[in-house]
Amino acid sequence: MLRARIFSCAMLALSITFAMMATAAPMPAKLSAAEIVDRNVAARGGLSQWRAVQTLSWSGMMEAGGNNQRYVKNSGMAPPPSDEPAAQVRLPFLLELKRGRMSRLEIEFNGQTAVQVYDGTQGWKLRPFLNRYEVESFTPAELNLASTQADLDGALVDFAAKGTRVELEGIEQVEGKDAYKLKLTLKNGHVVHEWIDAHSFLDVKMEGTPRQLDGKPHVVSVFLRDYRTVNGLQIPHVIETVVQGVQRTEKIHIDKVVVNPQLAESRFGRPI
């Protein structure tokens, strides 16, 4: 009798466990790449809403500095210099975007403002924090990087019209949750990956441009979190960049988003 009760309790507990697992982690739907993109665009606010966006403005704080920020742990490497700052600092930033991949980034540091501008064809930078007070043109590598960046609505909105091919490569875990892994082949042949949450259908991870550290390329992952509604659009308010082999990450905290601000064309020209 006792053995029968134990067996019954075990079977009941097992059935409860299975029920909890089914409730807590529903299986992702079997969708095509095109269906995933459609749901992603709808979750982010809808196609018509994004097509109506011509300009965007983001402002907030950007983390920078700190020991090991650029240090890659490899055997035989010396530790970072002890005179580097022990903690990261938060720098005010302003990012303005306009259709045509135009962008202007301003970062305040020690009472000075660094500027990086791209007009859709040419780019310039001003870096007073490095004692470089003359406006410099983008290098060929920087121009190539800027030209491959997604427009202000992201890579998936109107992807076919942009000449992008999207393929589903499977389902992976991103921060403990299922996400569809999409392979995007851009018009110029450049390949990038994006991960779409299997339940919210919001972007949760992007493949960043590899960084050259200690003479070798290191994988870069960009995580998007804390989505909030702004003018009917879903906008991430925390963006974290993780570089493989680097102990510290880089975070951007977005405090304010303005949709369709009035931005003069001159804002994206060569800084004066």
Protein backbone atom coordinates (compact mmCIF):
# COMPACT_ATOMS: atom_id res chain seq x y z
CA MET A 1 0.00 0.00 0.00
CA LEU A 2 2.79 2.43 0.92
CA ARG A 3 4.64 1.62 -2.31
CA ALA A 4 1.48 2.28 -4.32
CA ARG A 5 1.00 5.69 -2.66
CA ILE A 6 4.62 6.65 -3.31
CA PHE A 7 4.25 5.62 -6.95
CA SER A 8 1.00 7.61 -7.26
CA CYS A 9 2.62 10.71 -5.72
CA ALA A 10 5.61 10.38 -8.01
CA MET A 11 3.41 10.11 -11.09
CA LEU A 12 1.33 13.12 -9.97
CA ALA A 13 4.48 15.18 -9.35
CA LEU A 14 5.83 14.16 -12.74
CA SER A 15 2.63 15.18 -14.51
CA ILE A 16 2.66 18.55 -12.70
CA THR A 17 6.28 19.05 -13.76
CA PHE A 18 5.42 18.36 -17.39
CA ALA A 19 2.46 20.75 -17.18
CA MET A 20 4.66 23.48 -15.68
CA MET A 21 7.25 22.97 -18.40
CA ALA A 22 4.61 23.23 -21.09
CA THR A 23 3.17 26.38 -19.53
CA ALA A 24 6.50 28.08 -18.86
CA ALA A 25 8.16 27.36 -22.17
CA PRO A 26 5.78 26.97 -25.11
CA MET A 27 7.44 25.73 -28.26
CA PRO A 28 8.20 28.42 -30.84
CA ALA A 29 5.89 28.42 -33.84
CA LYS A 30 7.21 26.89 -37.06
CA LEU A 31 7.36 29.94 -39.29
CA SER A 32 9.09 30.90 -42.50
CA ALA A 33 11.64 33.73 -42.59
CA ALA A 34 9.08 35.98 -44.30
CA GLU A 35 6.47 35.26 -41.62
CA ILE A 36 8.97 36.03 -38.86
CA VAL A 37 9.85 39.34 -40.51
CA ASP A 38 6.15 40.25 -40.85
CA ARG A 39 5.55 39.57 -37.16
CA ASN A 40 8.67 41.48 -36.19
CA VAL A 41 7.61 44.57 -38.13
CA ALA A 42 4.10 44.36 -36.64
CA ALA A 43 5.50 43.96 -33.10
CA ARG A 44 7.72 47.01 -33.58
CA GLY A 45 4.78 49.22 -34.53
CA GLY A 46 3.72 48.24 -38.02
CA LEU A 47 4.87 48.87 -41.58
CA SER A 48 2.89 52.06 -42.15
CA GLN A 49 4.11 53.55 -38.87
CA TRP A 50 7.77 52.96 -39.75
CA ARG A 51 7.36 54.17 -43.32
CA ALA A 52 6.10 57.46 -41.89
CA VAL A 53 9.32 57.97 -39.91
CA GLN A 54 11.75 60.27 -41.71
CA THR A 55 13.96 61.31 -38.79
CA LEU A 56 14.79 60.03 -35.31
CA SER A 57 16.61 61.51 -32.35
CA TRP A 58 18.00 59.52 -29.41
CA SER A 59 19.66 61.03 -26.36
CA GLY A 60 20.95 59.52 -23.13
CA MET A 61 24.13 58.25 -21.54
CA MET A 62 26.90 56.14 -23.03
CA GLU A 63 29.33 54.14 -20.89
CA ALA A 64 33.04 54.44 -21.65
CA GLY A 65 36.45 53.82 -20.11
CA GLY A 66 37.39 51.56 -17.22
CA ASN A 67 40.13 49.00 -16.67
CA ASN A 68 40.11 46.06 -19.12
CA GLN A 69 37.80 47.94 -21.50
CA ARG A 70 40.08 47.02 -24.38
CA TYR A 71 42.01 44.27 -22.61
CA VAL A 72 41.77 40.77 -24.02
CA LYS A 73 42.74 38.01 -21.63
CA ASN A 74 45.33 35.86 -23.34
CA SER A 75 48.15 33.94 -21.75
CA GLY A 76 51.38 35.89 -21.80
CA MET A 77 49.68 39.29 -22.08
CA ALA A 78 50.54 41.98 -19.59
CA PRO A 79 47.70 43.39 -17.43
CA PRO A 80 46.26 46.80 -18.30
CA PRO A 81 48.12 49.90 -17.06
CA SER A 82 47.29 50.80 -13.46
CA ASP A 83 46.80 54.49 -14.28
CA GLU A 84 43.64 53.81 -16.30
CA PRO A 85 40.34 54.78 -14.62
CA ALA A 86 39.02 52.06 -12.32
CA ALA A 87 35.39 52.54 -13.30
CA GLN A 88 33.46 53.37 -16.40
CA VAL A 89 32.08 56.87 -16.86
CA ARG A 90 28.71 57.78 -18.34
CA LEU A 91 28.93 60.34 -21.13
CA PRO A 92 25.94 62.31 -22.50
CA PHE A 93 25.25 61.61 -26.16
CA LEU A 94 22.90 62.71 -28.92
CA LEU A 95 22.25 60.57 -32.00
CA GLU A 96 20.28 62.04 -34.91
CA LEU A 97 19.18 59.89 -37.86
CA LYS A 98 17.65 60.78 -41.21
CA ARG A 99 16.56 58.52 -44.06
CA GLY A 100 19.31 57.71 -46.50
CA ARG A 101 21.56 56.38 -43.70
CA MET A 102 22.40 59.93 -42.63
CA SER A 103 23.58 60.19 -39.04
CA ARG A 104 25.11 62.61 -36.56
CA LEU A 105 26.55 61.47 -33.22
CA GLU A 106 27.68 63.90 -30.52
CA ILE A 107 29.37 62.79 -27.28
CA GLU A 108 30.31 65.14 -24.45
CA PHE A 109 33.57 64.47 -22.60
CA ASN A 110 35.47 66.75 -20.22
CA GLY A 111 33.58 69.81 -21.42
CA GLN A 112 34.27 69.05 -25.07
CA THR A 113 32.04 67.57 -27.77
CA ALA A 114 33.15 64.84 -30.13
CA VAL A 115 31.23 64.70 -33.39
CA GLN A 116 30.83 61.98 -36.00
CA VAL A 117 28.74 62.72 -39.11
CA TYR A 118 27.72 60.72 -42.19
CA ASP A 119 25.68 62.28 -45.01
CA GLY A 120 24.89 59.03 -46.80
CA THR A 121 28.01 59.24 -48.96
CA GLN A 122 30.80 60.97 -47.05
CA GLY A 123 31.71 61.04 -43.36
CA TRP A 124 33.67 63.28 -40.99
CA LYS A 125 34.80 63.20 -37.37
CA LEU A 126 36.04 65.68 -34.78
CA ARG A 127 37.81 64.22 -31.73
CA PRO A 128 38.97 66.94 -29.32
CA PHE A 129 39.36 64.44 -26.47
CA LEU A 130 42.34 63.05 -28.42
CA ASN A 131 43.71 66.60 -28.94
CA ARG A 132 42.61 66.44 -32.58
CA TYR A 133 40.81 69.71 -33.21
CA GLU A 134 40.70 69.52 -36.99
CA VAL A 135 37.83 67.88 -38.83
CA GLU A 136 38.99 64.59 -40.35
CA SER A 137 37.39 62.59 -43.14
CA PHE A 138 36.32 59.00 -42.58
CA THR A 139 38.86 56.38 -43.50
CA PRO A 140 37.90 53.96 -46.32
CA ALA A 141 37.11 51.33 -43.67
CA GLU A 142 34.86 53.74 -41.77
CA LEU A 143 33.07 54.73 -44.98
CA ASN A 144 32.49 51.08 -45.85
CA LEU A 145 31.09 50.42 -42.37
CA ALA A 146 28.77 53.43 -42.50
CA SER A 147 27.48 52.46 -45.94
CA THR A 148 26.46 48.99 -44.71
CA GLN A 149 24.60 50.17 -41.61
CA ALA A 150 20.83 49.69 -41.60
CA ASP A 151 18.64 52.73 -42.18
CA LEU A 152 16.74 54.25 -39.25
CA ASP A 153 13.90 51.70 -39.50
CA GLY A 154 16.24 48.72 -39.25
CA ALA A 155 17.20 46.06 -41.76
CA LEU A 156 13.92 44.12 -41.80
CA VAL A 157 11.42 46.87 -42.68
CA ASP A 158 10.89 46.72 -46.48
CA PHE A 159 13.86 44.35 -46.68
CA ALA A 160 13.03 43.12 -50.20
CA ALA A 161 12.87 46.67 -51.55
CA LYS A 162 16.29 47.29 -50.00
CA GLY A 163 17.69 44.34 -51.94
CA THR A 164 18.15 42.18 -48.84
CA ARG A 165 17.63 38.41 -48.79
CA VAL A 166 16.47 36.91 -45.47
CA GLU A 167 16.85 33.25 -44.48
CA LEU A 168 15.97 31.36 -41.29
CA GLU A 169 18.95 29.53 -39.82
CA GLY A 170 17.19 27.98 -36.83
CA ILE A 171 16.27 28.72 -33.22
CA GLU A 172 18.84 29.64 -30.56
CA GLN A 173 18.73 30.72 -26.93
CA VAL A 174 19.36 34.42 -26.31
CA GLU A 175 19.59 35.30 -22.64
CA GLY A 176 17.55 32.23 -21.71
CA LYS A 177 14.79 32.69 -24.29
CA ASP A 178 14.15 31.12 -27.69
CA ALA A 179 14.93 33.35 -30.64
CA TYR A 180 14.78 32.89 -34.39
CA LYS A 181 18.20 33.36 -35.98
CA LEU A 182 17.92 35.18 -39.31
CA LYS A 183 20.66 35.47 -41.91
CA LEU A 184 20.51 38.72 -43.87
CA THR A 185 22.41 39.01 -47.14
CA LEU A 186 22.52 42.69 -48.08
CA LYS A 187 22.43 44.10 -51.59
CA ASN A 188 26.22 44.44 -51.62
CA GLY A 189 26.69 40.82 -50.55
CA HIS A 190 27.54 41.64 -46.93
CA VAL A 191 26.06 39.07 -44.49
CA VAL A 192 24.78 39.88 -40.99
CA HIS A 193 22.62 38.03 -38.46
CA GLU A 194 19.70 39.11 -36.29
CA TRP A 195 17.87 37.24 -33.55
CA ILE A 196 14.10 37.73 -33.09
CA ASP A 197 12.42 36.72 -29.82
CA ALA A 198 10.20 33.72 -30.57
CA HIS A 199 7.30 35.07 -28.49
CA SER A 200 7.45 38.89 -28.50
CA PHE A 201 8.92 38.98 -32.04
CA LEU A 202 11.11 41.95 -31.08
CA ASP A 203 14.79 42.15 -32.03
CA VAL A 204 16.87 40.92 -29.09
CA LYS A 205 20.34 40.50 -30.59
CA MET A 206 22.31 41.66 -33.59
CA GLU A 207 25.67 40.70 -35.01
CA GLY A 208 28.03 43.65 -34.77
CA THR A 209 31.09 44.44 -36.85
CA PRO A 210 34.10 42.39 -35.60
CA ARG A 211 36.74 44.41 -33.75
CA GLN A 212 40.45 44.07 -34.24
CA LEU A 213 42.12 43.53 -30.87
CA ASP A 214 45.55 42.05 -30.18
CA GLY A 215 45.91 41.66 -33.94
CA LYS A 216 42.90 39.37 -34.30
CA PRO A 217 39.19 39.91 -35.06
CA HIS A 218 36.80 39.41 -32.15
CA VAL A 219 33.11 38.63 -32.44
CA VAL A 220 30.79 41.49 -31.46
CA SER A 221 27.22 40.94 -30.24
CA VAL A 222 24.70 43.74 -29.68
CA PHE A 223 21.80 43.08 -27.27
CA LEU A 224 18.61 45.18 -27.33
CA ARG A 225 16.52 45.45 -24.16
CA ASP A 226 13.92 47.50 -22.27
CA TYR A 227 11.54 48.19 -25.15
CA ARG A 228 9.16 51.12 -24.64
CA THR A 229 6.40 52.60 -26.78
CA VAL A 230 7.21 55.93 -28.43
CA ASN A 231 4.61 57.34 -30.87
CA GLY A 232 3.30 53.82 -31.44
CA LEU A 233 6.76 52.40 -32.13
CA GLN A 234 8.64 49.90 -29.98
CA ILE A 235 12.11 51.32 -29.25
CA PRO A 236 14.83 49.62 -27.14
CA HIS A 237 16.11 51.86 -24.35
CA VAL A 238 19.14 49.78 -23.34
CA ILE A 239 21.67 48.63 -25.94
CA GLU A 240 24.63 46.56 -24.78
CA THR A 241 27.65 45.68 -26.91
CA VAL A 242 29.68 42.62 -25.95
CA VAL A 243 33.08 41.96 -27.50
CA GLN A 244 34.34 38.40 -27.28
CA GLY A 245 37.33 38.21 -24.92
CA VAL A 246 36.80 41.64 -23.35
CA GLN A 247 35.72 41.66 -19.72
CA ARG A 248 33.71 44.86 -19.71
CA THR A 249 30.74 45.56 -21.93
CA GLU A 250 29.57 48.85 -23.42
CA LYS A 251 26.06 50.05 -22.62
CA ILE A 252 23.93 52.81 -24.05
CA HIS A 253 21.03 54.04 -21.92
CA ILE A 254 18.48 55.94 -23.97
CA ASP A 255 16.56 58.52 -21.94
CA LYS A 256 14.62 60.28 -24.70
CA VAL A 257 13.45 59.37 -28.20
CA VAL A 258 11.89 61.90 -30.57
CA VAL A 259 10.13 60.67 -33.71
CA ASN A 260 10.28 62.93 -36.76
CA PRO A 261 12.10 65.90 -35.22
CA GLN A 262 12.90 68.80 -37.53
CA LEU A 263 16.49 68.19 -38.62
CA ALA A 264 18.11 70.52 -41.12
CA GLU A 265 20.11 68.92 -43.93
CA SER A 266 23.13 70.89 -42.75
CA ARG A 267 23.21 68.81 -39.55
CA PHE A 268 24.59 65.94 -41.64
CA GLY A 269 27.18 67.93 -43.55
CA ARG A 270 30.85 68.47 -42.79
CA PRO A 271 31.19 69.99 -39.27
CA ILE A 272 32.31 73.59 -39.28
